N, C-alpha and C. Protein backbone atom coordinates (compact mmCIF):
# COMPACT_ATOMS: atom_id res chain seq x y z
N UNK A 1 -30.04 -47.45 214.06
CA UNK A 1 -30.49 -47.42 215.73
C UNK A 1 -29.27 -47.80 216.66
N UNK A 2 -29.22 -46.97 217.69
CA UNK A 2 -28.47 -47.55 218.78
C UNK A 2 -29.15 -48.58 219.57
N UNK A 3 -29.33 -49.51 218.86
CA UNK A 3 -30.07 -50.51 219.97
C UNK A 3 -28.73 -51.23 220.75
N UNK A 4 -29.39 -51.54 221.80
CA UNK A 4 -28.41 -52.68 222.71
C UNK A 4 -28.29 -53.89 222.68
N UNK A 5 -26.90 -54.62 222.64
CA UNK A 5 -27.14 -56.18 222.40
C UNK A 5 -27.01 -56.47 223.55
N UNK A 6 -27.93 -57.31 223.73
CA UNK A 6 -28.12 -58.16 225.08
C UNK A 6 -28.37 -59.58 224.44
N UNK A 7 -27.53 -60.60 225.43
CA UNK A 7 -27.28 -61.80 224.93
C UNK A 7 -28.56 -62.44 226.07
N UNK A 8 -29.57 -63.46 225.21
CA UNK A 8 -30.39 -63.92 225.86
C UNK A 8 -29.90 -64.91 227.02
N UNK A 9 -30.56 -65.44 227.93
CA UNK A 9 -30.16 -66.36 228.76
C UNK A 9 -29.44 -67.78 228.10
N UNK A 10 -30.11 -68.31 227.01
CA UNK A 10 -29.59 -69.42 226.12
C UNK A 10 -27.85 -69.13 225.53
N UNK A 11 -28.01 -67.99 225.03
CA UNK A 11 -26.82 -67.50 224.38
C UNK A 11 -25.77 -67.75 225.14
N UNK A 12 -25.79 -67.26 226.82
CA UNK A 12 -24.78 -67.55 227.66
C UNK A 12 -23.93 -68.64 227.52
N UNK A 13 -25.07 -69.75 227.81
CA UNK A 13 -23.78 -71.15 227.57
C UNK A 13 -23.70 -71.46 226.46
N UNK A 14 -22.43 -71.51 226.23
CA UNK A 14 -22.40 -72.26 224.67
C UNK A 14 -22.40 -73.59 224.86
N UNK A 15 -22.53 -74.00 223.72
CA UNK A 15 -22.76 -75.32 223.08
C UNK A 15 -21.71 -76.22 223.51
N UNK A 16 -21.65 -77.55 224.46
CA UNK A 16 -20.70 -78.57 224.90
C UNK A 16 -20.13 -78.97 223.71
N UNK A 17 -18.71 -79.57 223.39
CA UNK A 17 -18.36 -80.13 222.33
C UNK A 17 -19.38 -81.26 222.06
N UNK A 18 -19.13 -81.59 220.70
CA UNK A 18 -20.47 -82.61 220.27
C UNK A 18 -19.97 -83.81 220.54
N UNK A 19 -20.69 -85.03 221.06
CA UNK A 19 -20.16 -86.44 220.67
C UNK A 19 -20.73 -86.73 219.03
N UNK A 20 -20.39 -87.93 218.69
CA UNK A 20 -20.80 -88.76 217.70
C UNK A 20 -22.34 -88.98 217.67
N UNK A 21 -22.60 -89.44 218.71
CA UNK A 21 -24.31 -89.40 218.75
C UNK A 21 -24.74 -88.17 218.42
N UNK A 22 -24.36 -87.06 218.46
CA UNK A 22 -25.04 -85.78 218.41
C UNK A 22 -25.08 -85.72 216.81
N UNK A 23 -23.77 -86.28 216.51
CA UNK A 23 -23.78 -86.32 214.97
C UNK A 23 -24.52 -87.17 214.02
N UNK A 24 -24.55 -88.41 214.78
CA UNK A 24 -25.70 -89.19 214.39
C UNK A 24 -26.98 -88.77 213.98
N UNK A 25 -27.88 -87.92 214.87
CA UNK A 25 -28.99 -87.18 215.12
C UNK A 25 -29.28 -86.34 213.31
N UNK A 26 -28.02 -86.05 213.04
CA UNK A 26 -28.07 -85.43 211.73
C UNK A 26 -28.51 -86.27 210.81
N UNK A 27 -29.89 -85.98 210.11
CA UNK A 27 -29.65 -87.09 208.52
C UNK A 27 -28.84 -87.46 207.67
N UNK A 28 -28.50 -85.56 207.48
CA UNK A 28 -27.81 -85.03 206.05
C UNK A 28 -26.48 -85.56 206.30
N UNK A 29 -25.91 -84.91 207.38
CA UNK A 29 -24.85 -85.26 207.91
C UNK A 29 -24.15 -86.70 207.59
N UNK A 30 -25.26 -87.57 208.51
CA UNK A 30 -24.84 -89.01 208.42
C UNK A 30 -24.65 -89.52 206.89
N UNK A 31 -25.71 -89.20 206.30
CA UNK A 31 -25.81 -89.56 204.69
C UNK A 31 -24.27 -89.09 204.12
N UNK A 32 -24.21 -88.05 204.39
CA UNK A 32 -22.89 -87.64 203.55
C UNK A 32 -21.57 -88.50 203.74
N UNK A 33 -21.62 -88.34 205.39
CA UNK A 33 -20.50 -89.14 205.30
C UNK A 33 -20.72 -90.57 205.57
N UNK A 34 -21.46 -91.49 205.40
CA UNK A 34 -21.56 -92.75 204.62
C UNK A 34 -21.10 -92.66 203.25
N UNK A 35 -21.62 -92.05 202.20
CA UNK A 35 -21.38 -91.70 201.28
C UNK A 35 -19.56 -91.78 200.61
N UNK A 36 -19.23 -90.72 201.79
CA UNK A 36 -17.60 -90.55 201.90
C UNK A 36 -16.70 -91.63 202.53
N UNK A 37 -17.36 -92.32 203.64
CA UNK A 37 -16.42 -93.55 204.20
C UNK A 37 -16.73 -95.16 203.77
N UNK A 38 -17.97 -95.03 203.17
CA UNK A 38 -18.45 -96.51 202.92
C UNK A 38 -17.93 -97.24 202.04
N UNK A 39 -17.40 -96.35 200.84
CA UNK A 39 -16.59 -97.17 199.74
C UNK A 39 -15.16 -97.77 199.89
N UNK A 40 -14.83 -98.70 199.10
CA UNK A 40 -13.78 -99.41 199.21
C UNK A 40 -12.85 -99.04 198.34
N UNK A 41 -11.83 -98.16 198.34
CA UNK A 41 -10.74 -97.92 197.58
C UNK A 41 -9.45 -98.29 197.87
N UNK A 42 -8.57 -98.60 196.85
CA UNK A 42 -7.01 -99.45 197.16
C UNK A 42 -6.42 -97.83 197.87
N UNK A 43 -6.75 -96.67 197.56
CA UNK A 43 -5.78 -95.55 197.78
C UNK A 43 -6.44 -94.48 198.93
N UNK A 44 -7.70 -94.89 198.90
CA UNK A 44 -8.71 -93.94 200.02
C UNK A 44 -9.01 -94.36 201.46
N UNK A 45 -8.31 -93.90 202.12
CA UNK A 45 -8.78 -94.51 203.88
C UNK A 45 -10.17 -94.64 203.60
N UNK A 46 -10.67 -95.45 204.75
CA UNK A 46 -12.52 -95.67 204.57
C UNK A 46 -12.60 -95.89 206.15
N UNK A 47 -14.08 -96.23 206.13
CA UNK A 47 -14.38 -96.49 207.55
C UNK A 47 -13.68 -97.63 208.20
N UNK A 48 -12.78 -98.38 207.32
CA UNK A 48 -12.01 -99.95 207.67
C UNK A 48 -10.80 -99.20 208.89
N UNK A 49 -10.22 -98.29 208.62
CA UNK A 49 -9.19 -97.58 209.01
C UNK A 49 -9.36 -96.99 210.10
N UNK A 50 -10.43 -96.14 210.09
CA UNK A 50 -10.64 -95.37 211.10
C UNK A 50 -11.34 -96.09 212.35
N UNK A 51 -11.98 -97.17 212.01
CA UNK A 51 -12.63 -98.58 213.26
C UNK A 51 -11.49 -98.94 213.72
N UNK A 52 -10.73 -99.58 213.07
CA UNK A 52 -9.35 -100.02 213.31
C UNK A 52 -8.32 -99.76 214.43
N UNK A 53 -8.33 -98.44 214.04
CA UNK A 53 -7.81 -97.22 214.90
C UNK A 53 -8.07 -97.25 215.85
N UNK A 54 -9.48 -96.78 216.12
CA UNK A 54 -10.16 -97.30 217.44
C UNK A 54 -10.51 -98.76 217.86
N UNK A 55 -9.72 -99.52 217.43
CA UNK A 55 -9.67 -100.73 218.22
C UNK A 55 -10.60 -101.90 217.91
N UNK A 56 -11.54 -101.90 217.13
CA UNK A 56 -12.14 -102.94 216.69
C UNK A 56 -11.40 -104.15 215.72
N UNK A 57 -11.64 -105.07 216.07
CA UNK A 57 -10.81 -106.29 215.78
C UNK A 57 -10.70 -106.60 214.33
N UNK A 58 -10.10 -107.59 213.72
CA UNK A 58 -10.40 -107.95 212.50
C UNK A 58 -11.15 -108.83 211.90
N UNK A 59 -11.88 -109.55 213.31
CA UNK A 59 -13.03 -110.64 212.79
C UNK A 59 -14.26 -109.08 212.86
N UNK A 60 -14.67 -108.08 213.46
CA UNK A 60 -15.85 -107.22 213.58
C UNK A 60 -15.62 -106.53 212.53
N UNK A 61 -14.14 -106.34 211.77
CA UNK A 61 -14.47 -105.54 210.90
C UNK A 61 -15.04 -106.36 209.68
N UNK A 62 -14.37 -107.66 209.26
CA UNK A 62 -15.08 -108.37 208.66
C UNK A 62 -16.41 -108.65 208.39
N UNK A 63 -17.01 -108.61 210.09
CA UNK A 63 -18.54 -109.01 209.74
C UNK A 63 -19.10 -107.80 209.39
N UNK A 64 -18.42 -106.55 210.01
CA UNK A 64 -19.48 -105.61 209.21
C UNK A 64 -19.36 -105.28 207.78
N UNK A 65 -18.00 -105.74 207.11
CA UNK A 65 -18.23 -105.85 205.95
C UNK A 65 -18.84 -107.04 205.13
N UNK A 66 -19.11 -107.65 205.54
CA UNK A 66 -19.99 -108.98 205.02
C UNK A 66 -21.38 -108.15 205.22
N UNK A 67 -21.75 -107.67 206.08
CA UNK A 67 -23.04 -106.76 206.31
C UNK A 67 -23.19 -105.71 205.08
N UNK A 68 -22.72 -105.37 204.48
CA UNK A 68 -22.86 -104.50 203.29
C UNK A 68 -23.59 -105.24 202.21
N UNK A 69 -22.71 -106.62 201.94
CA UNK A 69 -23.65 -107.32 200.82
C UNK A 69 -24.90 -108.00 200.68
N UNK A 70 -25.08 -108.19 202.24
CA UNK A 70 -26.59 -108.99 202.38
C UNK A 70 -27.75 -108.33 201.63
N UNK A 71 -28.80 -109.00 201.80
CA UNK A 71 -30.13 -108.45 201.20
C UNK A 71 -30.64 -107.15 201.69
N UNK A 72 -30.27 -106.91 203.09
CA UNK A 72 -30.21 -105.50 203.59
C UNK A 72 -29.02 -105.06 203.51
N UNK A 73 -28.99 -103.48 202.95
CA UNK A 73 -27.40 -102.73 202.92
C UNK A 73 -27.52 -102.19 204.58
N UNK A 74 -26.55 -102.77 204.83
CA UNK A 74 -25.62 -101.90 206.54
C UNK A 74 -24.84 -101.18 206.20
N UNK A 75 -24.58 -100.01 206.56
CA UNK A 75 -23.60 -99.04 206.25
C UNK A 75 -22.80 -99.13 207.23
N UNK A 76 -21.20 -99.66 206.98
CA UNK A 76 -20.27 -99.67 207.93
C UNK A 76 -19.88 -98.53 209.13
N UNK A 77 -19.61 -97.30 208.03
CA UNK A 77 -19.41 -96.53 208.69
C UNK A 77 -20.56 -95.66 210.16
N UNK A 78 -21.96 -96.17 209.48
CA UNK A 78 -22.85 -95.74 210.61
C UNK A 78 -22.81 -96.99 211.81
N UNK A 79 -22.56 -98.15 211.10
CA UNK A 79 -22.08 -99.11 212.24
C UNK A 79 -21.07 -98.81 213.49
N UNK A 80 -20.18 -98.59 212.60
CA UNK A 80 -18.95 -97.93 213.59
C UNK A 80 -19.13 -96.96 214.55
N UNK A 81 -19.53 -96.21 213.93
CA UNK A 81 -20.18 -95.07 214.50
C UNK A 81 -21.20 -94.83 215.51
N UNK A 82 -21.90 -95.88 215.25
CA UNK A 82 -22.83 -96.01 216.61
C UNK A 82 -22.15 -96.76 217.79
N UNK A 83 -21.13 -97.54 217.50
CA UNK A 83 -20.21 -98.19 218.70
C UNK A 83 -19.90 -97.65 219.37
N UNK A 84 -19.08 -96.22 218.60
CA UNK A 84 -18.09 -95.36 219.39
C UNK A 84 -18.85 -93.85 219.34
N UNK A 85 -19.95 -94.26 219.65
CA UNK A 85 -21.16 -92.87 219.95
C UNK A 85 -20.78 -91.83 221.20
N UNK A 86 -20.16 -92.58 221.85
CA UNK A 86 -19.77 -91.48 223.04
C UNK A 86 -18.58 -90.86 222.72
N UNK A 87 -17.48 -91.26 221.95
CA UNK A 87 -16.53 -90.40 221.51
C UNK A 87 -16.64 -88.87 221.07
N UNK A 88 -15.93 -87.96 221.29
CA UNK A 88 -16.38 -86.46 220.92
C UNK A 88 -15.77 -86.67 219.35
N UNK A 89 -16.50 -85.57 218.56
CA UNK A 89 -16.38 -85.55 217.43
C UNK A 89 -14.90 -85.09 216.84
N UNK A 90 -14.79 -84.22 217.79
CA UNK A 90 -12.85 -84.21 217.77
C UNK A 90 -11.93 -84.87 217.53
N UNK A 91 -12.46 -86.12 218.08
CA UNK A 91 -11.19 -87.43 217.85
C UNK A 91 -11.33 -88.08 216.39
N UNK A 92 -12.74 -87.62 216.03
CA UNK A 92 -13.17 -88.17 214.62
C UNK A 92 -11.98 -87.56 213.51
N UNK A 93 -12.30 -86.19 214.08
CA UNK A 93 -11.68 -85.32 213.29
C UNK A 93 -10.18 -85.71 213.52
N UNK A 94 -9.53 -85.89 214.31
CA UNK A 94 -8.01 -86.52 214.39
C UNK A 94 -7.67 -87.37 213.76
N UNK A 95 -8.96 -88.29 213.54
CA UNK A 95 -8.33 -89.34 212.77
C UNK A 95 -8.67 -89.12 210.82
N UNK A 96 -9.55 -88.25 210.77
CA UNK A 96 -9.26 -87.76 209.25
C UNK A 96 -7.92 -86.86 208.84
N UNK A 97 -7.29 -85.90 209.73
CA UNK A 97 -6.37 -85.54 209.71
C UNK A 97 -5.16 -86.68 209.48
N UNK A 98 -5.13 -87.92 210.50
CA UNK A 98 -3.93 -88.76 210.43
C UNK A 98 -4.20 -89.68 209.06
N UNK A 99 -5.78 -89.56 208.16
CA UNK A 99 -5.69 -90.51 207.52
C UNK A 99 -5.63 -89.72 206.04
N UNK A 100 -5.43 -88.37 206.27
CA UNK A 100 -5.71 -87.38 205.24
C UNK A 100 -6.97 -87.32 204.58
N UNK A 101 -7.92 -87.31 205.12
CA UNK A 101 -9.20 -87.50 204.88
C UNK A 101 -9.57 -85.68 205.08
N UNK A 102 -9.30 -84.74 204.12
CA UNK A 102 -9.69 -83.63 204.25
C UNK A 102 -10.85 -83.10 203.78
N UNK A 103 -11.69 -84.07 203.14
CA UNK A 103 -12.81 -83.89 202.44
C UNK A 103 -13.60 -83.95 203.63
N UNK A 104 -13.38 -84.94 204.61
CA UNK A 104 -14.36 -85.24 205.95
C UNK A 104 -14.10 -84.39 206.91
N UNK A 105 -12.81 -83.78 206.83
CA UNK A 105 -12.37 -83.45 207.85
C UNK A 105 -13.40 -81.46 207.44
N UNK A 106 -13.12 -81.71 206.70
CA UNK A 106 -14.04 -80.02 206.23
C UNK A 106 -15.30 -80.05 206.49
N UNK A 107 -15.96 -81.43 206.26
CA UNK A 107 -17.18 -81.59 206.44
C UNK A 107 -17.90 -81.59 208.32
N UNK A 108 -16.94 -82.23 208.62
CA UNK A 108 -17.10 -82.08 210.15
C UNK A 108 -16.92 -81.09 210.96
N UNK A 109 -15.64 -80.45 210.46
CA UNK A 109 -15.69 -78.76 211.11
C UNK A 109 -16.57 -77.82 210.81
N UNK A 110 -17.09 -77.62 209.34
CA UNK A 110 -18.31 -77.06 208.88
C UNK A 110 -19.28 -77.24 210.11
N UNK A 111 -19.63 -78.56 210.18
CA UNK A 111 -20.98 -79.18 210.97
C UNK A 111 -20.77 -78.37 212.46
N UNK A 112 -19.42 -78.38 212.86
CA UNK A 112 -19.40 -78.08 214.38
C UNK A 112 -19.15 -76.55 214.83
N UNK A 113 -18.89 -75.92 213.43
CA UNK A 113 -19.06 -74.63 213.46
C UNK A 113 -20.39 -74.21 213.20
N UNK A 114 -21.22 -74.70 212.43
CA UNK A 114 -22.25 -74.31 212.34
C UNK A 114 -23.64 -74.54 212.08
N UNK A 115 -23.56 -75.94 212.36
CA UNK A 115 -25.08 -76.86 212.56
C UNK A 115 -25.07 -77.23 214.51
N UNK A 116 -24.06 -77.54 214.45
CA UNK A 116 -23.87 -78.26 215.99
C UNK A 116 -24.70 -76.85 216.74
N UNK A 117 -24.15 -75.52 217.09
CA UNK A 117 -24.44 -75.03 218.25
C UNK A 117 -26.03 -74.55 218.01
N UNK A 118 -26.57 -74.16 216.87
CA UNK A 118 -27.62 -74.24 217.02
C UNK A 118 -28.95 -75.48 217.20
N UNK A 119 -28.42 -76.70 216.48
CA UNK A 119 -28.85 -77.54 216.98
C UNK A 119 -28.87 -77.82 218.63
N UNK A 120 -28.31 -77.56 219.02
CA UNK A 120 -28.11 -77.92 220.51
C UNK A 120 -28.75 -76.81 221.39
N UNK A 121 -28.50 -75.62 220.98
CA UNK A 121 -30.20 -74.48 221.65
C UNK A 121 -31.14 -75.13 221.27
N UNK A 122 -31.62 -75.54 219.91
CA UNK A 122 -32.79 -76.14 219.89
C UNK A 122 -33.16 -77.15 220.61
N UNK A 123 -32.24 -77.91 220.95
CA UNK A 123 -32.63 -79.45 222.03
C UNK A 123 -32.89 -78.56 223.40
N UNK A 124 -32.08 -77.86 224.31
CA UNK A 124 -31.70 -77.10 225.14
C UNK A 124 -32.61 -75.84 225.57
């Protein structure tokens, strides 16, 4: 048919750039980020490098690391993201590029392109 395409009012305003707090509302994404950034590898950059780059002190990093060994596991990735939850996700993608974590970068880019716009529209 020759049906006209008229965008609805909601579609006219596109989603704003997501903040880390938006990303943390997506349980599946957060879980995958934890799987990728929590483990310690001698050759792979993880949550500690990211947090340090954003200004966390050595003592804060040590405290977060110790909390992973307690009776209740605390994800250091989740803790550091919570601390910086007002930063835009693009700053996190820049860290991924800096530390050559292309796996995490692709994950975030897919989320920003595919999931974030629909999540934002559902919320607004």
